[in-house]
Amino acid sequence: MARDPVCGMEVDERTSTVKSKVGEKEIFFCCPHCKSKFDKDPSKFKI
């Protein structure tokens, strides 16, 4: 399981379709809203 850096929810990276890439690392999100918030300023979130 991965942790959504925006809300802290656990996300199953095997089935999640909501994700972003930072460098070589894939970041998984619980919903498009969290992804959008992260994508605006990734430096605000601990990954």
Protein backbone atom coordinates (compact mmCIF):
# COMPACT_ATOMS: atom_id res chain seq x y z
CA MET A 1 0.00 0.00 0.00
CA ALA A 2 1.08 3.54 -0.73
CA ARG A 3 0.12 6.65 1.22
CA ASP A 4 -1.53 9.63 -0.47
CA PRO A 5 0.79 12.54 0.46
CA VAL A 6 -2.09 15.04 0.42
CA CYS A 7 -4.66 13.42 2.73
CA GLY A 8 -2.69 10.51 4.21
CA MET A 9 -5.12 7.83 3.02
CA GLU A 10 -3.71 4.40 2.12
CA VAL A 11 -3.94 3.62 -1.60
CA ASP A 12 -3.42 0.28 -3.34
CA GLU A 13 -0.79 1.08 -5.98
CA ARG A 14 -1.70 -2.08 -7.93
CA THR A 15 -5.21 -0.81 -8.71
CA SER A 16 -4.95 2.98 -8.43
CA THR A 17 -5.26 4.91 -11.68
CA VAL A 18 -4.70 8.31 -10.06
CA LYS A 19 -0.95 8.93 -9.94
CA SER A 20 1.83 11.38 -10.74
CA LYS A 21 5.52 10.92 -11.35
CA VAL A 22 8.21 12.90 -9.55
CA GLY A 23 11.59 12.07 -11.02
CA GLU A 24 11.62 8.27 -11.12
CA LYS A 25 9.11 7.89 -8.27
CA GLU A 26 5.39 7.26 -8.80
CA ILE A 27 3.07 8.95 -6.32
CA PHE A 28 -0.42 7.48 -5.82
CA PHE A 29 -3.57 9.34 -4.79
CA CYS A 30 -6.99 8.40 -3.45
CA CYS A 31 -8.81 10.73 -5.85
CA PRO A 32 -8.27 13.26 -8.66
CA HIS A 33 -8.75 16.16 -6.22
CA CYS A 34 -5.70 15.12 -4.16
CA LYS A 35 -3.65 14.61 -7.34
CA SER A 36 -4.59 18.08 -8.59
CA LYS A 37 -3.63 19.65 -5.27
CA PHE A 38 -0.28 17.83 -5.32
CA ASP A 39 0.46 18.66 -8.97
CA LYS A 40 0.04 22.40 -8.30
CA ASP A 41 3.00 22.42 -5.86
CA PRO A 42 4.65 19.05 -5.10
CA SER A 43 7.23 20.73 -2.85
CA LYS A 44 4.53 21.32 -0.21
CA PHE A 45 4.16 17.59 0.40
CA LYS A 46 6.47 15.01 1.95
CA ILE A 47 7.04 12.15 -0.47
